[in-house]
Amino acid sequence: MRQLLNTADPNRRVASHHGEVTVDRVLATAVIEPLVHTWDLAQAAGIYVSLDAEAVAATLTAIAPVADRFATTGMYSPALSISEDATPERRLLALLGRKAP
């Protein structure tokens, strides 16, 4: 898998459930489930977790333009308002309807 990912052209356009997007965007959105649900599970267990900054940055870049589509699936709450100076992690969570403590 690592070899495949290392040789994939991140700018190549491919079909996805969001329409035609770059390989880079497909990979970033694929990370959303384990990344955000890690946070969800930690919150439910009362555990503080800091998400991987690189994964957050990649996911935030991919999700920001289509965040409203995630809420329409019913799997995510509508985006929350958040200050402009919020951390990338907090911005990502807010886009997906989650309020970080």
N, C-alpha and C. Protein backbone atom coordinates (compact mmCIF):
# COMPACT_ATOMS: atom_id res chain seq x y z
N MET A 1 0.82 -1.18 0.00
CA MET A 1 0.00 0.00 0.00
C MET A 1 0.87 1.25 0.00
N ARG A 2 1.91 1.24 0.82
CA ARG A 2 2.79 2.41 0.88
C ARG A 2 3.44 2.67 -0.47
N GLN A 3 3.89 1.60 -1.15
CA GLN A 3 4.51 1.75 -2.47
C GLN A 3 3.51 2.34 -3.47
N LEU A 4 2.29 1.86 -3.43
CA LEU A 4 1.25 2.38 -4.31
C LEU A 4 1.00 3.85 -4.03
N LEU A 5 0.90 4.20 -2.77
CA LEU A 5 0.65 5.60 -2.42
C LEU A 5 1.82 6.50 -2.80
N ASN A 6 3.03 5.98 -2.67
CA ASN A 6 4.22 6.77 -3.02
C ASN A 6 4.32 7.02 -4.52
N THR A 7 3.73 6.16 -5.33
CA THR A 7 3.83 6.31 -6.78
C THR A 7 2.58 6.94 -7.39
N ALA A 8 1.53 7.11 -6.62
CA ALA A 8 0.29 7.69 -7.15
C ALA A 8 0.49 9.18 -7.44
N ASP A 9 -0.06 9.63 -8.56
CA ASP A 9 -0.01 11.05 -8.91
C ASP A 9 -1.12 11.75 -8.14
N PRO A 10 -0.78 12.58 -7.15
CA PRO A 10 -1.80 13.21 -6.31
C PRO A 10 -2.72 14.16 -7.08
N ASN A 11 -2.29 14.62 -8.25
CA ASN A 11 -3.09 15.56 -9.03
C ASN A 11 -3.97 14.90 -10.09
N ARG A 12 -3.81 13.58 -10.26
CA ARG A 12 -4.64 12.87 -11.23
C ARG A 12 -6.09 12.93 -10.79
N ARG A 13 -7.00 13.13 -11.72
CA ARG A 13 -8.42 13.21 -11.40
C ARG A 13 -9.07 11.85 -11.57
N VAL A 14 -9.89 11.48 -10.59
CA VAL A 14 -10.57 10.19 -10.58
C VAL A 14 -12.02 10.39 -10.16
N ALA A 15 -12.86 9.43 -10.50
CA ALA A 15 -14.27 9.49 -10.10
C ALA A 15 -14.38 9.15 -8.62
N SER A 16 -15.27 9.84 -7.93
CA SER A 16 -15.54 9.56 -6.51
C SER A 16 -17.01 9.86 -6.24
N HIS A 17 -17.45 9.58 -5.02
CA HIS A 17 -18.83 9.90 -4.66
C HIS A 17 -19.07 11.41 -4.56
N HIS A 18 -18.01 12.20 -4.65
CA HIS A 18 -18.12 13.66 -4.67
C HIS A 18 -17.94 14.19 -6.09
N GLY A 19 -18.02 13.31 -7.06
CA GLY A 19 -17.75 13.72 -8.45
C GLY A 19 -16.29 13.48 -8.77
N GLU A 20 -15.82 14.08 -9.84
CA GLU A 20 -14.42 13.90 -10.23
C GLU A 20 -13.53 14.80 -9.37
N VAL A 21 -12.58 14.18 -8.69
CA VAL A 21 -11.67 14.90 -7.80
C VAL A 21 -10.26 14.35 -7.96
N THR A 22 -9.30 14.99 -7.33
CA THR A 22 -7.92 14.53 -7.40
C THR A 22 -7.71 13.33 -6.48
N VAL A 23 -6.69 12.55 -6.79
CA VAL A 23 -6.31 11.41 -5.94
C VAL A 23 -6.01 11.92 -4.53
N ASP A 24 -5.36 13.06 -4.45
CA ASP A 24 -5.03 13.67 -3.16
C ASP A 24 -6.29 13.89 -2.32
N ARG A 25 -7.36 14.38 -2.94
CA ARG A 25 -8.60 14.62 -2.20
C ARG A 25 -9.25 13.30 -1.78
N VAL A 26 -9.22 12.29 -2.66
CA VAL A 26 -9.79 10.98 -2.30
C VAL A 26 -9.08 10.42 -1.08
N LEU A 27 -7.75 10.50 -1.08
CA LEU A 27 -6.98 9.96 0.05
C LEU A 27 -7.27 10.75 1.33
N ALA A 28 -7.37 12.05 1.21
CA ALA A 28 -7.63 12.87 2.40
C ALA A 28 -9.01 12.57 2.97
N THR A 29 -10.01 12.40 2.12
CA THR A 29 -11.34 12.10 2.64
C THR A 29 -11.42 10.68 3.19
N ALA A 30 -10.57 9.78 2.70
CA ALA A 30 -10.56 8.41 3.23
C ALA A 30 -10.06 8.39 4.67
N VAL A 31 -9.29 9.37 5.04
CA VAL A 31 -8.72 9.45 6.39
C VAL A 31 -9.74 9.96 7.40
N ILE A 32 -10.79 10.61 6.91
CA ILE A 32 -11.74 11.26 7.81
C ILE A 32 -12.35 10.31 8.83
N GLU A 33 -12.76 9.13 8.39
CA GLU A 33 -13.43 8.21 9.31
C GLU A 33 -12.55 7.81 10.50
N PRO A 34 -11.38 7.23 10.26
CA PRO A 34 -10.57 6.85 11.44
C PRO A 34 -10.10 8.05 12.24
N LEU A 35 -9.84 9.16 11.58
CA LEU A 35 -9.35 10.34 12.27
C LEU A 35 -10.41 10.93 13.20
N VAL A 36 -11.56 11.23 12.65
CA VAL A 36 -12.61 11.88 13.44
C VAL A 36 -13.24 10.92 14.44
N HIS A 37 -13.39 9.67 14.07
CA HIS A 37 -13.99 8.73 15.01
C HIS A 37 -13.03 8.36 16.14
N THR A 38 -11.74 8.53 15.93
CA THR A 38 -10.79 8.42 17.04
C THR A 38 -11.13 9.48 18.08
N TRP A 39 -11.37 10.69 17.60
CA TRP A 39 -11.73 11.79 18.49
C TRP A 39 -13.06 11.50 19.18
N ASP A 40 -14.04 11.01 18.40
CA ASP A 40 -15.35 10.69 18.98
C ASP A 40 -15.24 9.68 20.11
N LEU A 41 -14.51 8.61 19.86
CA LEU A 41 -14.37 7.56 20.87
C LEU A 41 -13.63 8.07 22.11
N ALA A 42 -12.61 8.88 21.88
CA ALA A 42 -11.87 9.45 23.02
C ALA A 42 -12.79 10.34 23.85
N GLN A 43 -13.60 11.16 23.19
CA GLN A 43 -14.53 12.03 23.91
C GLN A 43 -15.51 11.21 24.73
N ALA A 44 -16.04 10.15 24.13
CA ALA A 44 -17.01 9.29 24.83
C ALA A 44 -16.39 8.63 26.06
N ALA A 45 -15.09 8.36 25.97
CA ALA A 45 -14.39 7.71 27.08
C ALA A 45 -13.81 8.71 28.07
N GLY A 46 -13.96 10.00 27.78
CA GLY A 46 -13.42 11.02 28.67
C GLY A 46 -11.91 11.16 28.58
N ILE A 47 -11.36 10.83 27.42
CA ILE A 47 -9.91 10.87 27.21
C ILE A 47 -9.57 12.02 26.28
N TYR A 48 -8.57 12.82 26.65
CA TYR A 48 -8.11 13.88 25.77
C TYR A 48 -7.21 13.26 24.71
N VAL A 49 -7.45 13.61 23.46
CA VAL A 49 -6.61 13.13 22.37
C VAL A 49 -6.29 14.31 21.46
N SER A 50 -5.05 14.37 21.03
CA SER A 50 -4.63 15.37 20.05
C SER A 50 -4.42 14.62 18.74
N LEU A 51 -5.15 15.01 17.71
CA LEU A 51 -5.09 14.31 16.43
C LEU A 51 -3.80 14.66 15.68
N ASP A 52 -3.35 13.74 14.86
CA ASP A 52 -2.15 13.92 14.07
C ASP A 52 -2.28 15.17 13.20
N ALA A 53 -1.36 16.11 13.36
CA ALA A 53 -1.44 17.41 12.68
C ALA A 53 -1.41 17.27 11.16
N GLU A 54 -0.59 16.39 10.64
CA GLU A 54 -0.50 16.21 9.18
C GLU A 54 -1.81 15.64 8.63
N ALA A 55 -2.38 14.67 9.32
CA ALA A 55 -3.65 14.09 8.89
C ALA A 55 -4.77 15.12 8.98
N VAL A 56 -4.76 15.91 10.03
CA VAL A 56 -5.77 16.97 10.18
C VAL A 56 -5.65 17.97 9.04
N ALA A 57 -4.43 18.41 8.74
CA ALA A 57 -4.24 19.40 7.67
C ALA A 57 -4.71 18.87 6.32
N ALA A 58 -4.36 17.64 6.00
CA ALA A 58 -4.77 17.06 4.73
C ALA A 58 -6.29 16.89 4.66
N THR A 59 -6.87 16.44 5.74
CA THR A 59 -8.31 16.23 5.77
C THR A 59 -9.06 17.56 5.73
N LEU A 60 -8.59 18.53 6.46
CA LEU A 60 -9.23 19.85 6.48
C LEU A 60 -9.22 20.46 5.08
N THR A 61 -8.11 20.37 4.38
CA THR A 61 -8.01 20.90 3.02
C THR A 61 -9.03 20.24 2.10
N ALA A 62 -9.19 18.93 2.25
CA ALA A 62 -10.11 18.19 1.39
C ALA A 62 -11.56 18.40 1.78
N ILE A 63 -11.85 18.51 3.05
CA ILE A 63 -13.21 18.56 3.55
C ILE A 63 -13.81 19.97 3.47
N ALA A 64 -13.02 20.98 3.70
CA ALA A 64 -13.55 22.35 3.75
C ALA A 64 -14.45 22.72 2.57
N PRO A 65 -14.07 22.42 1.33
CA PRO A 65 -14.94 22.82 0.22
C PRO A 65 -16.24 22.01 0.11
N VAL A 66 -16.32 20.86 0.75
CA VAL A 66 -17.50 20.00 0.60
C VAL A 66 -18.14 19.64 1.93
N ALA A 67 -17.82 20.35 2.99
CA ALA A 67 -18.31 20.00 4.32
C ALA A 67 -19.83 19.98 4.39
N ASP A 68 -20.48 20.87 3.65
CA ASP A 68 -21.95 20.89 3.68
C ASP A 68 -22.53 19.59 3.16
N ARG A 69 -21.84 18.90 2.26
CA ARG A 69 -22.32 17.62 1.74
C ARG A 69 -22.27 16.53 2.80
N PHE A 70 -21.32 16.63 3.72
CA PHE A 70 -21.22 15.62 4.77
C PHE A 70 -22.44 15.70 5.69
N ALA A 71 -22.89 16.91 6.00
CA ALA A 71 -24.06 17.06 6.87
C ALA A 71 -25.32 16.51 6.20
N THR A 72 -25.44 16.64 4.89
CA THR A 72 -26.64 16.17 4.21
C THR A 72 -26.75 14.66 4.18
N THR A 73 -25.66 13.95 4.47
CA THR A 73 -25.72 12.49 4.50
C THR A 73 -26.41 11.99 5.76
N GLY A 74 -26.49 12.85 6.79
CA GLY A 74 -27.05 12.44 8.06
C GLY A 74 -26.03 11.78 8.97
N MET A 75 -24.83 11.53 8.47
CA MET A 75 -23.78 10.91 9.28
C MET A 75 -23.02 11.95 10.10
N TYR A 76 -23.14 13.20 9.72
CA TYR A 76 -22.45 14.29 10.42
C TYR A 76 -23.46 15.39 10.71
N SER A 77 -23.23 16.11 11.78
CA SER A 77 -24.07 17.26 12.11
C SER A 77 -23.64 18.44 11.23
N PRO A 78 -24.51 19.43 11.10
CA PRO A 78 -24.12 20.63 10.34
C PRO A 78 -22.90 21.30 10.98
N ALA A 79 -22.16 22.01 10.15
CA ALA A 79 -20.95 22.70 10.62
C ALA A 79 -21.30 23.70 11.72
N LEU A 80 -20.39 23.85 12.66
CA LEU A 80 -20.54 24.82 13.73
C LEU A 80 -19.70 26.05 13.42
N SER A 81 -20.12 27.20 13.92
CA SER A 81 -19.32 28.41 13.79
C SER A 81 -18.11 28.30 14.70
N ILE A 82 -17.01 28.83 14.22
CA ILE A 82 -15.78 28.79 15.02
C ILE A 82 -14.94 30.01 14.66
N SER A 83 -14.13 30.47 15.60
CA SER A 83 -13.32 31.67 15.36
C SER A 83 -12.26 31.42 14.29
N GLU A 84 -11.89 32.48 13.63
CA GLU A 84 -10.90 32.41 12.56
C GLU A 84 -9.53 31.94 13.07
N ASP A 85 -9.24 32.20 14.33
CA ASP A 85 -7.92 31.83 14.86
C ASP A 85 -7.90 30.45 15.52
N ALA A 86 -8.96 29.68 15.32
CA ALA A 86 -9.01 28.32 15.90
C ALA A 86 -7.94 27.43 15.26
N THR A 87 -7.51 26.44 16.00
CA THR A 87 -6.51 25.51 15.48
C THR A 87 -7.11 24.70 14.32
N PRO A 88 -6.26 24.15 13.46
CA PRO A 88 -6.78 23.32 12.38
C PRO A 88 -7.63 22.16 12.89
N GLU A 89 -7.22 21.54 14.00
CA GLU A 89 -8.00 20.44 14.57
C GLU A 89 -9.40 20.91 14.95
N ARG A 90 -9.50 22.03 15.63
CA ARG A 90 -10.81 22.56 16.02
C ARG A 90 -11.64 22.96 14.80
N ARG A 91 -10.99 23.51 13.77
CA ARG A 91 -11.73 23.88 12.56
C ARG A 91 -12.30 22.64 11.88
N LEU A 92 -11.50 21.57 11.79
CA LEU A 92 -11.97 20.33 11.18
C LEU A 92 -13.16 19.77 11.96
N LEU A 93 -13.02 19.70 13.26
CA LEU A 93 -14.10 19.16 14.08
C LEU A 93 -15.37 20.00 13.95
N ALA A 94 -15.23 21.32 13.92
CA ALA A 94 -16.39 22.20 13.77
C ALA A 94 -17.05 22.01 12.41
N LEU A 95 -16.27 21.82 11.36
CA LEU A 95 -16.84 21.57 10.03
C LEU A 95 -17.71 20.33 10.03
N LEU A 96 -17.37 19.38 10.89
CA LEU A 96 -18.11 18.13 10.95
C LEU A 96 -19.10 18.09 12.11
N GLY A 97 -19.43 19.26 12.65
CA GLY A 97 -20.47 19.37 13.66
C GLY A 97 -20.05 18.96 15.05
N ARG A 98 -18.77 18.97 15.31
CA ARG A 98 -18.28 18.56 16.63
C ARG A 98 -17.70 19.77 17.36
N LYS A 99 -18.00 19.85 18.64
CA LYS A 99 -17.49 20.95 19.46
C LYS A 99 -16.39 20.42 20.38
N ALA A 100 -15.19 20.87 20.14
CA ALA A 100 -14.07 20.47 20.99
C ALA A 100 -14.17 21.19 22.32
N PRO A 101 -13.85 20.49 23.40
CA PRO A 101 -13.92 21.14 24.73
C PRO A 101 -12.90 22.25 24.88
